[in-house]
Each structure stands twice: as C-alpha cells, then as structure tokens.
PDB file of N, CA and C in Angstrom:
ATOM      1  N   ALA A   1     101.290  99.118  94.108  1.00  0.00           N
ATOM      2  CA  ALA A   1     102.559  99.768  93.872  1.00  0.00           C
ATOM      3  C   ALA A   1     103.551  99.416  94.967  1.00  0.00           C
ATOM      4  N   GLU A   2     103.084  99.310  96.207  1.00  0.00           N
ATOM      5  CA  GLU A   2     103.994  98.989  97.293  1.00  0.00           C
ATOM      6  C   GLU A   2     104.576  97.586  97.147  1.00  0.00           C
ATOM      7  N   LEU A   3     103.781  96.659  96.643  1.00  0.00           N
ATOM      8  CA  LEU A   3     104.296  95.308  96.420  1.00  0.00           C
ATOM      9  C   LEU A   3     105.447  95.319  95.428  1.00  0.00           C
ATOM     10  N   LEU A   4     105.265  96.048  94.347  1.00  0.00           N
ATOM     11  CA  LEU A   4     106.302  96.101  93.317  1.00  0.00           C
ATOM     12  C   LEU A   4     107.521  96.874  93.795  1.00  0.00           C
ATOM     13  N   THR A   5     107.302  97.908  94.594  1.00  0.00           N
ATOM     14  CA  THR A   5     108.431  98.670  95.153  1.00  0.00           C
ATOM     15  C   THR A   5     109.253  97.771  96.067  1.00  0.00           C
ATOM     16  N   GLN A   6     108.575  97.001  96.910  1.00  0.00           N
ATOM     17  CA  GLN A   6     109.282  96.076  97.801  1.00  0.00           C
ATOM     18  C   GLN A   6     110.023  95.009  97.006  1.00  0.00           C
ATOM     19  N   ALA A   7     109.398  94.482  95.969  1.00  0.00           N
ATOM     20  CA  ALA A   7     110.054  93.468  95.130  1.00  0.00           C
ATOM     21  C   ALA A   7     111.296  94.047  94.464  1.00  0.00           C
ATOM     22  N   ALA A   8     111.203  95.280  93.980  1.00  0.00           N
ATOM     23  CA  ALA A   8     112.364  95.921  93.345  1.00  0.00           C
ATOM     24  C   ALA A   8     113.462  96.169  94.369  1.00  0.00           C
ATOM     25  N   ALA A   9     113.091  96.577  95.576  1.00  0.00           N
ATOM     26  CA  ALA A   9     114.083  96.828  96.628  1.00  0.00           C
ATOM     27  C   ALA A   9     114.803  95.541  97.018  1.00  0.00           C
ATOM     28  N   ASP A  10     114.104  94.426  96.931  1.00  0.00           N
ATOM     29  CA  ASP A  10     114.705  93.123  97.223  1.00  0.00           C
ATOM     30  C   ASP A  10     115.448  92.546  96.020  1.00  0.00           C
ATOM     31  N   ASN A  11     115.519  93.335  94.949  1.00  0.00           N
ATOM     32  CA  ASN A  11     116.183  92.927  93.707  1.00  0.00           C
ATOM     33  C   ASN A  11     115.498  91.719  93.066  1.00  0.00           C
ATOM     34  N   THR A  12     114.161  91.634  93.239  1.00  0.00           N
ATOM     35  CA  THR A  12     113.361  90.590  92.608  1.00  0.00           C
ATOM     36  C   THR A  12     112.131  91.230  91.969  1.00  0.00           C
ATOM     37  N   PRO A  13     112.321  92.084  90.960  1.00  0.00           N
ATOM     38  CA  PRO A  13     111.200  92.834  90.397  1.00  0.00           C
ATOM     39  C   PRO A  13     110.106  91.970  89.773  1.00  0.00           C
ATOM     40  N   SER A  14     110.429  90.760  89.391  1.00  0.00           N
ATOM     41  CA  SER A  14     109.430  89.876  88.780  1.00  0.00           C
ATOM     42  C   SER A  14     109.018  88.759  89.737  1.00  0.00           C
ATOM     43  N   ARG A  15     109.039  89.046  91.011  1.00  0.00           N
ATOM     44  CA  ARG A  15     108.719  88.060  92.044  1.00  0.00           C
ATOM     45  C   ARG A  15     107.360  87.414  91.843  1.00  0.00           C
ATOM     46  N   PHE A  16     106.396  88.159  91.333  1.00  0.00           N
ATOM     47  CA  PHE A  16     105.027  87.661  91.206  1.00  0.00           C
ATOM     48  C   PHE A  16     104.726  87.103  89.818  1.00  0.00           C
ATOM     49  N   LEU A  17     105.724  87.025  88.974  1.00  0.00           N
ATOM     50  CA  LEU A  17     105.572  86.471  87.633  1.00  0.00           C
ATOM     51  C   LEU A  17     106.072  85.033  87.650  1.00  0.00           C
ATOM     52  N   HIS A  18     105.218  84.091  87.301  1.00  0.00           N
ATOM     53  CA  HIS A  18     105.594  82.682  87.377  1.00  0.00           C
ATOM     54  C   HIS A  18     105.729  82.027  86.014  1.00  0.00           C
ATOM     55  N   VAL A  19     106.029  82.820  85.021  1.00  0.00           N
ATOM     56  CA  VAL A  19     106.422  82.341  83.697  1.00  0.00           C
ATOM     57  C   VAL A  19     107.581  83.223  83.253  1.00  0.00           C
ATOM     58  N   SER A  20     108.241  82.843  82.187  1.00  0.00           N
ATOM     59  CA  SER A  20     109.349  83.670  81.720  1.00  0.00           C
ATOM     60  C   SER A  20     108.828  84.960  81.087  1.00  0.00           C
ATOM     61  N   GLU A  21     109.691  85.951  81.035  1.00  0.00           N
ATOM     62  CA  GLU A  21     109.301  87.219  80.414  1.00  0.00           C
ATOM     63  C   GLU A  21     108.950  87.025  78.943  1.00  0.00           C
ATOM     64  N   GLU A  22     109.599  86.072  78.290  1.00  0.00           N
ATOM     65  CA  GLU A  22     109.300  85.780  76.889  1.00  0.00           C
ATOM     66  C   GLU A  22     107.908  85.175  76.737  1.00  0.00           C
ATOM     67  N   GLU A  23     107.488  84.373  77.724  1.00  0.00           N
ATOM     68  CA  GLU A  23     106.169  83.746  77.665  1.00  0.00           C
ATOM     69  C   GLU A  23     105.048  84.734  77.952  1.00  0.00           C
ATOM     70  N   ILE A  24     105.286  85.718  78.822  1.00  0.00           N
ATOM     71  CA  ILE A  24     104.237  86.663  79.182  1.00  0.00           C
ATOM     72  C   ILE A  24     104.112  87.793  78.165  1.00  0.00           C
ATOM     73  N   ALA A  25     105.160  88.068  77.412  1.00  0.00           N
ATOM     74  CA  ALA A  25     105.165  89.204  76.477  1.00  0.00           C
ATOM     75  C   ALA A  25     103.998  89.183  75.486  1.00  0.00           C
ATOM     76  N   PRO A  26     103.673  88.056  74.835  1.00  0.00           N
ATOM     77  CA  PRO A  26     102.542  88.071  73.904  1.00  0.00           C
ATOM     78  C   PRO A  26     101.212  88.387  74.594  1.00  0.00           C
ATOM     79  N   ALA A  27     101.002  87.838  75.783  1.00  0.00           N
ATOM     80  CA  ALA A  27      99.755  88.106  76.514  1.00  0.00           C
ATOM     81  C   ALA A  27      99.688  89.556  76.948  1.00  0.00           C
ATOM     82  N   ALA A  28     100.783  90.101  77.422  1.00  0.00           N
ATOM     83  CA  ALA A  28     100.815  91.505  77.838  1.00  0.00           C
ATOM     84  C   ALA A  28     100.643  92.428  76.637  1.00  0.00           C
ATOM     85  N   GLY A  29     101.140  92.004  75.497  1.00  0.00           N
ATOM     86  CA  GLY A  29     101.078  92.829  74.292  1.00  0.00           C
ATOM     87  C   GLY A  29      99.682  93.022  73.728  1.00  0.00           C
ATOM     88  N   VAL A  30      98.754  92.114  74.041  1.00  0.00           N
ATOM     89  CA  VAL A  30      97.396  92.246  73.502  1.00  0.00           C
ATOM     90  C   VAL A  30      96.476  93.046  74.417  1.00  0.00           C
ATOM     91  N   LEU A  31      96.929  93.345  75.625  1.00  0.00           N
ATOM     92  CA  LEU A  31      96.104  94.121  76.546  1.00  0.00           C
ATOM     93  C   LEU A  31      95.965  95.555  76.048  1.00  0.00           C
ATOM     94  N   LYS A  32      94.751  96.067  76.079  1.00  0.00           N
ATOM     95  CA  LYS A  32      94.489  97.424  75.590  1.00  0.00           C
ATOM     96  C   LYS A  32      94.936  98.487  76.590  1.00  0.00           C
ATOM     97  N   ASP A  33      94.876  98.162  77.864  1.00  0.00           N
ATOM     98  CA  ASP A  33      95.283  99.077  78.929  1.00  0.00           C
ATOM     99  C   ASP A  33      96.811  98.993  79.062  1.00  0.00           C
ATOM    100  N   THR A  34      97.513 100.059  78.669  1.00  0.00           N
ATOM    101  CA  THR A  34      98.983 100.011  78.641  1.00  0.00           C
ATOM    102  C   THR A  34      99.590  99.891  80.038  1.00  0.00           C
ATOM    103  N   THR A  35      98.987 100.519  81.029  1.00  0.00           N
ATOM    104  CA  THR A  35      99.498 100.393  82.396  1.00  0.00           C
ATOM    105  C   THR A  35      99.347  98.955  82.872  1.00  0.00           C
ATOM    106  N   LEU A  36      98.209  98.370  82.602  1.00  0.00           N
ATOM    107  CA  LEU A  36      97.970  96.977  82.962  1.00  0.00           C
ATOM    108  C   LEU A  36      98.971  96.061  82.258  1.00  0.00           C
ATOM    109  N   SER A  37      99.251  96.342  81.014  1.00  0.00           N
ATOM    110  CA  SER A  37     100.212  95.553  80.248  1.00  0.00           C
ATOM    111  C   SER A  37     101.577  95.541  80.925  1.00  0.00           C
ATOM    112  N   GLU A  38     102.018  96.699  81.397  1.00  0.00           N
ATOM    113  CA  GLU A  38     103.317  96.786  82.078  1.00  0.00           C
ATOM    114  C   GLU A  38     103.296  96.040  83.410  1.00  0.00           C
ATOM    115  N   LEU A  39     102.203  96.143  84.141  1.00  0.00           N
ATOM    116  CA  LEU A  39     102.098  95.448  85.424  1.00  0.00           C
ATOM    117  C   LEU A  39     102.086  93.934  85.246  1.00  0.00           C
ATOM    118  N   VAL A  40     101.371  93.464  84.232  1.00  0.00           N
ATOM    119  CA  VAL A  40     101.291  92.024  83.972  1.00  0.00           C
ATOM    120  C   VAL A  40     102.685  91.451  83.718  1.00  0.00           C
ATOM    121  N   LYS A  41     103.554  92.217  83.115  1.00  0.00           N
ATOM    122  CA  LYS A  41     104.924  91.758  82.873  1.00  0.00           C
ATOM    123  C   LYS A  41     105.692  91.537  84.170  1.00  0.00           C
ATOM    124  N   GLN A  42     105.137  92.055  85.284  1.00  0.00           N
ATOM    125  CA  GLN A  42     105.752  91.859  86.603  1.00  0.00           C
ATOM    126  C   GLN A  42     104.930  90.909  87.470  1.00  0.00           C
ATOM    127  N   GLY A  43     103.880  90.306  86.886  1.00  0.00           N
ATOM    128  CA  GLY A  43     103.094  89.309  87.593  1.00  0.00           C
ATOM    129  C   GLY A  43     101.926  89.853  88.393  1.00  0.00           C
ATOM    130  N   VAL A  44     101.529  91.113  88.122  1.00  0.00           N
ATOM    131  CA  VAL A  44     100.456  91.763  88.870  1.00  0.00           C
ATOM    132  C   VAL A  44      99.410  92.280  87.887  1.00  0.00           C
ATOM    133  N   GLY A  45      98.144  92.149  88.263  1.00  0.00           N
ATOM    134  CA  GLY A  45      97.073  92.695  87.443  1.00  0.00           C
ATOM    135  C   GLY A  45      96.046  93.388  88.310  1.00  0.00           C
ATOM    136  N   TYR A  46      95.195  94.188  87.693  1.00  0.00           N
ATOM    137  CA  TYR A  46      94.085  94.801  88.427  1.00  0.00           C
ATOM    138  C   TYR A  46      92.807  94.621  87.640  1.00  0.00           C
ATOM    139  N   TYR A  47      91.711  94.558  88.381  1.00  0.00           N
ATOM    140  CA  TYR A  47      90.418  94.148  87.836  1.00  0.00           C
ATOM    141  C   TYR A  47      89.385  95.140  88.357  1.00  0.00           C
ATOM    142  N   HIS A  48      88.762  95.895  87.463  1.00  0.00           N
ATOM    143  CA  HIS A  48      87.753  96.869  87.886  1.00  0.00           C
ATOM    144  C   HIS A  48      86.638  96.930  86.856  1.00  0.00           C
ATOM    145  N   ALA A  49      85.547  97.588  87.203  1.00  0.00           N
ATOM    146  CA  ALA A  49      84.354  97.606  86.357  1.00  0.00           C
ATOM    147  C   ALA A  49      84.595  98.242  84.995  1.00  0.00           C
ATOM    148  N   GLY A  50      85.518  99.173  84.882  1.00  0.00           N
ATOM    149  CA  GLY A  50      85.768  99.851  83.616  1.00  0.00           C
ATOM    150  C   GLY A  50      86.745  99.127  82.705  1.00  0.00           C
ATOM    151  N   LEU A  51      87.211  97.973  83.119  1.00  0.00           N
ATOM    152  CA  LEU A  51      88.188  97.217  82.340  1.00  0.00           C
ATOM    153  C   LEU A  51      87.547  96.647  81.083  1.00  0.00           C
ATOM    154  N   ASP A  52      88.242  96.735  79.988  1.00  0.00           N
ATOM    155  CA  ASP A  52      87.771  96.190  78.717  1.00  0.00           C
ATOM    156  C   ASP A  52      87.526  94.683  78.863  1.00  0.00           C
ATOM    157  N   ASP A  53      86.475  94.175  78.238  1.00  0.00           N
ATOM    158  CA  ASP A  53      86.127  92.752  78.358  1.00  0.00           C
ATOM    159  C   ASP A  53      87.251  91.825  77.911  1.00  0.00           C
ATOM    160  N   SER A  54      87.942  92.183  76.840  1.00  0.00           N
ATOM    161  CA  SER A  54      89.032  91.319  76.387  1.00  0.00           C
ATOM    162  C   SER A  54      90.194  91.340  77.382  1.00  0.00           C
ATOM    163  N   ASP A  55      90.461  92.491  77.990  1.00  0.00           N
ATOM    164  CA  ASP A  55      91.497  92.565  79.025  1.00  0.00           C
ATOM    165  C   ASP A  55      91.079  91.746  80.243  1.00  0.00           C
ATOM    166  N   ARG A  56      89.816  91.810  80.589  1.00  0.00           N
ATOM    167  CA  ARG A  56      89.306  91.053  81.735  1.00  0.00           C
ATOM    168  C   ARG A  56      89.473  89.552  81.506  1.00  0.00           C
ATOM    169  N   ARG A  57      89.098  89.080  80.322  1.00  0.00           N
ATOM    170  CA  ARG A  57      89.244  87.647  80.007  1.00  0.00           C
ATOM    171  C   ARG A  57      90.717  87.231  80.020  1.00  0.00           C
ATOM    172  N   ALA A  58      91.578  88.079  79.477  1.00  0.00           N
ATOM    173  CA  ALA A  58      93.013  87.776  79.459  1.00  0.00           C
ATOM    174  C   ALA A  58      93.561  87.686  80.883  1.00  0.00           C
ATOM    175  N   LEU A  59      93.164  88.624  81.750  1.00  0.00           N
ATOM    176  CA  LEU A  59      93.597  88.591  83.149  1.00  0.00           C
ATOM    177  C   LEU A  59      93.118  87.338  83.860  1.00  0.00           C
ATOM    178  N   GLU A  60      91.868  86.991  83.639  1.00  0.00           N
ATOM    179  CA  GLU A  60      91.324  85.784  84.255  1.00  0.00           C
ATOM    180  C   GLU A  60      92.129  84.558  83.840  1.00  0.00           C
ATOM    181  N   HIS A  61      92.446  84.481  82.566  1.00  0.00           N
ATOM    182  CA  HIS A  61      93.231  83.352  82.066  1.00  0.00           C
ATOM    183  C   HIS A  61      94.629  83.335  82.691  1.00  0.00           C
ATOM    184  N   LEU A  62      95.297  84.481  82.702  1.00  0.00           N
ATOM    185  CA  LEU A  62      96.651  84.551  83.260  1.00  0.00           C
ATOM    186  C   LEU A  62      96.662  84.195  84.743  1.00  0.00           C
ATOM    187  N   PHE A  63      95.650  84.645  85.480  1.00  0.00           N
ATOM    188  CA  PHE A  63      95.591  84.367  86.913  1.00  0.00           C
ATOM    189  C   PHE A  63      95.280  82.901  87.188  1.00  0.00           C
ATOM    190  N   THR A  64      94.279  82.355  86.516  1.00  0.00           N
ATOM    191  CA  THR A  64      93.914  80.956  86.770  1.00  0.00           C
ATOM    192  C   THR A  64      95.009  80.002  86.293  1.00  0.00           C
ATOM    193  N   ALA A  65      95.762  80.410  85.275  1.00  0.00           N
ATOM    194  CA  ALA A  65      96.867  79.581  84.793  1.00  0.00           C
ATOM    195  C   ALA A  65      98.094  79.684  85.702  1.00  0.00           C
ATOM    196  N   GLY A  66      98.074  80.654  86.617  1.00  0.00           N
ATOM    197  CA  GLY A  66      99.195  80.810  87.543  1.00  0.00           C
ATOM    198  C   GLY A  66     100.326  81.659  87.007  1.00  0.00           C
ATOM    199  N   ALA A  67     100.144  82.285  85.860  1.00  0.00           N
ATOM    200  CA  ALA A  67     101.208  83.115  85.280  1.00  0.00           C
ATOM    201  C   ALA A  67     101.419  84.376  86.111  1.00  0.00           C
ATOM    202  N   ILE A  68     100.323  85.027  86.511  1.00  0.00           N
ATOM    203  CA  ILE A  68     100.440  86.172  87.409  1.00  0.00           C
ATOM    204  C   ILE A  68      99.920  85.743  88.781  1.00  0.00           C
ATOM    205  N   GLN A  69     100.551  86.233  89.830  1.00  0.00           N
ATOM    206  CA  GLN A  69     100.244  85.779  91.180  1.00  0.00           C
ATOM    207  C   GLN A  69      99.401  86.750  91.986  1.00  0.00           C
ATOM    208  N   VAL A  70      99.333  88.010  91.563  1.00  0.00           N
ATOM    209  CA  VAL A  70      98.597  89.022  92.319  1.00  0.00           C
ATOM    210  C   VAL A  70      97.544  89.645  91.418  1.00  0.00           C
ATOM    211  N   LEU A  71      96.320  89.675  91.906  1.00  0.00           N
ATOM    212  CA  LEU A  71      95.230  90.318  91.179  1.00  0.00           C
ATOM    213  C   LEU A  71      94.486  91.216  92.163  1.00  0.00           C
ATOM    214  N   VAL A  72      94.552  92.518  91.918  1.00  0.00           N
ATOM    215  CA  VAL A  72      93.878  93.500  92.766  1.00  0.00           C
ATOM    216  C   VAL A  72      92.486  93.717  92.177  1.00  0.00           C
ATOM    217  N   VAL A  73      91.460  93.516  93.005  1.00  0.00           N
ATOM    218  CA  VAL A  73      90.081  93.581  92.532  1.00  0.00           C
ATOM    219  C   VAL A  73      89.345  94.695  93.271  1.00  0.00           C
ATOM    220  N   ALA A  74      88.634  95.520  92.518  1.00  0.00           N
ATOM    221  CA  ALA A  74      87.840  96.596  93.114  1.00  0.00           C
ATOM    222  C   ALA A  74      86.704  96.001  93.939  1.00  0.00           C
ATOM    223  N   LYS A  75      86.349  96.659  95.030  1.00  0.00           N
ATOM    224  CA  LYS A  75      85.318  96.171  95.951  1.00  0.00           C
ATOM    225  C   LYS A  75      83.989  95.942  95.259  1.00  0.00           C
ATOM    226  N   ASP A  76      83.644  96.782  94.300  1.00  0.00           N
ATOM    227  CA  ASP A  76      82.326  96.647  93.674  1.00  0.00           C
ATOM    228  C   ASP A  76      82.197  95.406  92.798  1.00  0.00           C
ATOM    229  N   LEU A  77      83.263  94.650  92.640  1.00  0.00           N
ATOM    230  CA  LEU A  77      83.202  93.418  91.840  1.00  0.00           C
ATOM    231  C   LEU A  77      83.241  92.152  92.684  1.00  0.00           C
ATOM    232  N   GLU A  78      83.059  92.272  94.001  1.00  0.00           N
ATOM    233  CA  GLU A  78      83.197  91.084  94.844  1.00  0.00           C
ATOM    234  C   GLU A  78      82.214  89.980  94.477  1.00  0.00           C
ATOM    235  N   TRP A  79      81.058  90.321  93.923  1.00  0.00           N
ATOM    236  CA  TRP A  79      80.089  89.297  93.527  1.00  0.00           C
ATOM    237  C   TRP A  79      80.246  88.881  92.070  1.00  0.00           C
ATOM    238  N   ALA A  80      80.992  89.635  91.294  1.00  0.00           N
ATOM    239  CA  ALA A  80      81.160  89.329  89.871  1.00  0.00           C
ATOM    240  C   ALA A  80      82.378  88.449  89.598  1.00  0.00           C
ATOM    241  N   VAL A  81      83.372  88.526  90.440  1.00  0.00           N
ATOM    242  CA  VAL A  81      84.612  87.773  90.230  1.00  0.00           C
ATOM    243  C   VAL A  81      84.415  86.335  90.673  1.00  0.00           C
ATOM    244  N   ARG A  82      84.785  85.423  89.823  1.00  0.00           N
ATOM    245  CA  ARG A  82      84.666  84.003  90.141  1.00  0.00           C
ATOM    246  C   ARG A  82      86.042  83.337  90.089  1.00  0.00           C
ATOM    247  N   LEU A  83      87.026  84.027  90.620  1.00  0.00           N
ATOM    248  CA  LEU A  83      88.395  83.520  90.616  1.00  0.00           C
ATOM    249  C   LEU A  83      88.801  83.176  92.039  1.00  0.00           C
ATOM    250  N   ASN A  84      89.150  81.951  92.286  1.00  0.00           N
ATOM    251  CA  ASN A  84      89.612  81.567  93.608  1.00  0.00           C
ATOM    252  C   ASN A  84      91.102  81.829  93.727  1.00  0.00           C
ATOM    253  N   ALA A  85      91.540  82.092  94.958  1.00  0.00           N
ATOM    254  CA  ALA A  85      92.933  82.438  95.210  1.00  0.00           C
ATOM    255  C   ALA A  85      93.428  81.706  96.447  1.00  0.00           C
ATOM    256  N   HIS A  86      94.715  81.617  96.562  1.00  0.00           N
ATOM    257  CA  HIS A  86      95.313  81.043  97.765  1.00  0.00           C
ATOM    258  C   HIS A  86      95.098  81.968  98.959  1.00  0.00           C
ATOM    259  N   LEU A  87      95.164  83.274  98.711  1.00  0.00           N
ATOM    260  CA  LEU A  87      95.053  84.263  99.775  1.00  0.00           C
ATOM    261  C   LEU A  87      94.253  85.454  99.271  1.00  0.00           C
ATOM    262  N   VAL A  88      93.323  85.921 100.077  1.00  0.00           N
ATOM    263  CA  VAL A  88      92.563  87.136  99.779  1.00  0.00           C
ATOM    264  C   VAL A  88      92.879  88.150 100.867  1.00  0.00           C
ATOM    265  N   ILE A  89      93.278  89.334 100.468  1.00  0.00           N
ATOM    266  CA  ILE A  89      93.573  90.410 101.410  1.00  0.00           C
ATOM    267  C   ILE A  89      92.526  91.496 101.215  1.00  0.00           C
ATOM    268  N   ILE A  90      91.852  91.845 102.286  1.00  0.00           N
ATOM    269  CA  ILE A  90      90.855  92.913 102.245  1.00  0.00           C
ATOM    270  C   ILE A  90      91.491  94.130 102.901  1.00  0.00           C
ATOM    271  N   LEU A  91      91.691  95.188 102.119  1.00  0.00           N
ATOM    272  CA  LEU A  91      92.406  96.353 102.630  1.00  0.00           C
ATOM    273  C   LEU A  91      91.587  97.211 103.571  1.00  0.00           C
ATOM    274  N   ASP A  92      90.297  97.177 103.474  1.00  0.00           N
ATOM    275  CA  ASP A  92      89.455  97.974 104.346  1.00  0.00           C
ATOM    276  C   ASP A  92      88.080  97.337 104.374  1.00  0.00           C
ATOM    277  N   THR A  93      87.312  97.630 105.389  1.00  0.00           N
ATOM    278  CA  THR A  93      85.961  97.085 105.477  1.00  0.00           C
ATOM    279  C   THR A  93      84.925  98.193 105.577  1.00  0.00           C
ATOM    280  N   GLN A  94      85.295  99.360 105.070  1.00  0.00           N
ATOM    281  CA  GLN A  94      84.369 100.484 105.018  1.00  0.00           C
ATOM    282  C   GLN A  94      84.491 101.157 103.660  1.00  0.00           C
ATOM    283  N   SER A  95      83.399 101.788 103.251  1.00  0.00           N
ATOM    284  CA  SER A  95      83.421 102.586 102.036  1.00  0.00           C
ATOM    285  C   SER A  95      82.741 103.917 102.324  1.00  0.00           C
ATOM    286  N   TYR A  96      83.018 104.891 101.485  1.00  0.00           N
ATOM    287  CA  TYR A  96      82.471 106.223 101.699  1.00  0.00           C
ATOM    288  C   TYR A  96      81.112 106.350 101.030  1.00  0.00           C
ATOM    289  N   ASP A  97      80.141 106.791 101.770  1.00  0.00           N
ATOM    290  CA  ASP A  97      78.797 107.037 101.263  1.00  0.00           C
ATOM    291  C   ASP A  97      78.693 108.534 100.993  1.00  0.00           C
ATOM    292  N   GLY A  98      78.796 108.919  99.729  1.00  0.00           N
ATOM    293  CA  GLY A  98      78.770 110.331  99.355  1.00  0.00           C
ATOM    294  C   GLY A  98      77.439 110.998  99.622  1.00  0.00           C
ATOM    295  N   LYS A  99      76.380 110.236  99.598  1.00  0.00           N
ATOM    296  CA  LYS A  99      75.048 110.798  99.840  1.00  0.00           C
ATOM    297  C   LYS A  99      74.918 111.309 101.279  1.00  0.00           C
ATOM    298  N   ASP A 100      75.390 110.484 102.217  1.00  0.00           N
ATOM    299  CA  ASP A 100      75.293 110.848 103.633  1.00  0.00           C
ATOM    300  C   ASP A 100      76.600 111.431 104.183  1.00  0.00           C
ATOM    301  N   HIS A 101      77.629 111.494 103.350  1.00  0.00           N
ATOM    302  CA  HIS A 101      78.943 112.041 103.745  1.00  0.00           C
ATOM    303  C   HIS A 101      79.488 111.339 104.992  1.00  0.00           C
ATOM    304  N   ARG A 102      79.562 110.014 104.905  1.00  0.00           N
ATOM    305  CA  ARG A 102      80.083 109.240 106.025  1.00  0.00           C
ATOM    306  C   ARG A 102      80.630 107.910 105.506  1.00  0.00           C
ATOM    307  N   TYR A 103      81.425 107.268 106.330  1.00  0.00           N
ATOM    308  CA  TYR A 103      81.920 105.935 106.020  1.00  0.00           C
ATOM    309  C   TYR A 103      80.956 104.906 106.580  1.00  0.00           C
ATOM    310  N   VAL A 104      80.713 103.862 105.812  1.00  0.00           N
ATOM    311  CA  VAL A 104      79.827 102.787 106.256  1.00  0.00           C
ATOM    312  C   VAL A 104      80.562 101.451 106.135  1.00  0.00           C
ATOM    313  N   ASP A 105      80.262 100.570 107.065  1.00  0.00           N
ATOM    314  CA  ASP A 105      80.865  99.234 107.040  1.00  0.00           C
ATOM    315  C   ASP A 105      80.338  98.440 105.860  1.00  0.00           C
ATOM    316  N   TYR A 106      81.203  97.583 105.297  1.00  0.00           N
ATOM    317  CA  TYR A 106      80.739  96.643 104.283  1.00  0.00           C
ATOM    318  C   TYR A 106      79.719  95.722 104.943  1.00  0.00           C
ATOM    319  N   HIS A 107      78.766  95.296 104.179  1.00  0.00           N
ATOM    320  CA  HIS A 107      77.806  94.312 104.674  1.00  0.00           C
ATOM    321  C   HIS A 107      78.554  93.000 104.887  1.00  0.00           C
ATOM    322  N   ILE A 108      78.201  92.281 105.931  1.00  0.00           N
ATOM    323  CA  ILE A 108      78.894  91.041 106.275  1.00  0.00           C
ATOM    324  C   ILE A 108      78.865  90.026 105.130  1.00  0.00           C
ATOM    325  N   THR A 109      77.799  89.995 104.349  1.00  0.00           N
ATOM    326  CA  THR A 109      77.751  89.046 103.230  1.00  0.00           C
ATOM    327  C   THR A 109      78.779  89.409 102.158  1.00  0.00           C
ATOM    328  N   ASP A 110      79.053  90.704 101.983  1.00  0.00           N
ATOM    329  CA  ASP A 110      80.084  91.118 101.030  1.00  0.00           C
ATOM    330  C   ASP A 110      81.466  90.667 101.494  1.00  0.00           C
ATOM    331  N   VAL A 111      81.732  90.838 102.784  1.00  0.00           N
ATOM    332  CA  VAL A 111      83.029  90.414 103.338  1.00  0.00           C
ATOM    333  C   VAL A 111      83.163  88.899 103.231  1.00  0.00           C
ATOM    334  N   MET A 112      82.103  88.165 103.550  1.00  0.00           N
ATOM    335  CA  MET A 112      82.153  86.710 103.461  1.00  0.00           C
ATOM    336  C   MET A 112      82.357  86.242 102.023  1.00  0.00           C
ATOM    337  N   GLN A 113      81.784  86.946 101.066  1.00  0.00           N
ATOM    338  CA  GLN A 113      81.981  86.605  99.657  1.00  0.00           C
ATOM    339  C   GLN A 113      83.456  86.772  99.284  1.00  0.00           C
ATOM    340  N   MET A 114      84.068  87.871  99.722  1.00  0.00           N
ATOM    341  CA  MET A 114      85.487  88.105  99.419  1.00  0.00           C
ATOM    342  C   MET A 114      86.360  87.038 100.061  1.00  0.00           C
ATOM    343  N   VAL A 115      86.118  86.758 101.335  1.00  0.00           N
ATOM    344  CA  VAL A 115      86.900  85.755 102.051  1.00  0.00           C
ATOM    345  C   VAL A 115      86.685  84.379 101.434  1.00  0.00           C
ATOM    346  N   GLY A 116      85.491  84.121 100.981  1.00  0.00           N
ATOM    347  CA  GLY A 116      85.174  82.825 100.378  1.00  0.00           C
ATOM    348  C   GLY A 116      85.938  82.536  99.101  1.00  0.00           C
ATOM    349  N   LEU A 117      86.489  83.564  98.476  1.00  0.00           N
ATOM    350  CA  LEU A 117      87.274  83.342  97.259  1.00  0.00           C
ATOM    351  C   LEU A 117      88.654  82.768  97.572  1.00  0.00           C
ATOM    352  N   ALA A 118      89.015  82.763  98.860  1.00  0.00           N
ATOM    353  CA  ALA A 118      90.296  82.178  99.266  1.00  0.00           C
ATOM    354  C   ALA A 118      90.093  80.690  99.513  1.00  0.00           C
ATOM    355  N   SER A 119      89.841  79.983  98.451  1.00  0.00           N
ATOM    356  CA  SER A 119      89.594  78.553  98.543  1.00  0.00           C
ATOM    357  C   SER A 119      89.884  77.929  97.190  1.00  0.00           C
ATOM    358  N   ARG A 120      90.858  77.040  97.166  1.00  0.00           N
ATOM    359  CA  ARG A 120      91.169  76.357  95.914  1.00  0.00           C
ATOM    360  C   ARG A 120      91.156  74.846  96.158  1.00  0.00           C
ATOM    361  N   PRO A 121      89.963  74.258  96.175  1.00  0.00           N
ATOM    362  CA  PRO A 121      89.884  72.818  96.399  1.00  0.00           C
ATOM    363  C   PRO A 121      90.704  72.060  95.366  1.00  0.00           C
ATOM    364  N   LEU A 122      91.345  71.003  95.836  1.00  0.00           N
ATOM    365  CA  LEU A 122      92.191  70.141  94.999  1.00  0.00           C
ATOM    366  C   LEU A 122      93.476  70.816  94.556  1.00  0.00           C
ATOM    367  N   VAL A 123      93.708  72.065  94.991  1.00  0.00           N
ATOM    368  CA  VAL A 123      94.961  72.772  94.680  1.00  0.00           C
ATOM    369  C   VAL A 123      95.751  72.980  95.956  1.00  0.00           C
ATOM    370  N   ASP A 124      95.102  73.558  96.966  1.00  0.00           N
ATOM    371  CA  ASP A 124      95.780  73.830  98.237  1.00  0.00           C
ATOM    372  C   ASP A 124      95.493  72.706  99.223  1.00  0.00           C
ATOM    373  N   THR A 125      96.507  72.345  99.983  1.00  0.00           N
ATOM    374  CA  THR A 125      96.326  71.292 100.971  1.00  0.00           C
ATOM    375  C   THR A 125      95.930  71.844 102.337  1.00  0.00           C
ATOM    376  N   ALA A 126      95.993  73.154 102.509  1.00  0.00           N
ATOM    377  CA  ALA A 126      95.600  73.793 103.770  1.00  0.00           C
ATOM    378  C   ALA A 126      94.913  75.101 103.454  1.00  0.00           C
ATOM    379  N   GLY A 127      94.143  75.604 104.428  1.00  0.00           N
ATOM    380  CA  GLY A 127      93.529  76.915 104.250  1.00  0.00           C
ATOM    381  C   GLY A 127      92.036  76.879 104.245  1.00  0.00           C
TER     382      GLY A 127
END
C-alpha cells in the first residue's frame, strides 16, 4: 500500500505497470480476487498460499512477461515460488512462533532462497 500511496503522491499511480491500461484490463478482469484485480491494474500483485490457482498462474505470467513490476510474496512460499526478479526485498527476518509465544529468526537457508530469487541470467547485466 505504501508503494502505491507514494506513486499516487508523485502523480504516477501506474508507475509499476509496464503495459497500457487497455492491455492489462483483460488479464485483470479474469482474476477471481477483486482486490488483486484492482492492484494488478496498477502493476502490483500479491502471492500467498490461499490464492486461487488460476489467479496464481495469471500473476506468474504477468510478472514474468514484465507487465507488472512488483510482486509481494508471503514468507511461507519462499520455496514454492520459482520467479526470478531484478530485486528482492525482505521486510523482516523473524516470524512469530505462537506455540512458544516468541519471535524466531528465519533459518539462513530460507533467507538465502529468497535472496537467490534476485537473479535473472541473460536479462540483467549486473547484480
């Protein structure tokens, strides 16, 4: 939400959309999640375990095709997502353990898996 708020404040609400609004409308229109549909029209998507399979496939296609530039992925999918990106941002490296009522650090292999998705061979010349 903060990304979109900043884009709107800069008077560039579709900053993360790299196709025309007419081109994205059909893809956004088939998404079952209405909130996701509205976000995709601004070039942003989100990916979580409860997402409908058809919405997930559509998001993957839009992201890999470069139509949407931002994809927010839930931590529990770090091993399931096979989408490489120019940049991966990890918002936190701890999660709450409800059983023990404490925060625990992500395992280093989980963090390395997330960071490893920031690699687009033959696409990026640096990074």
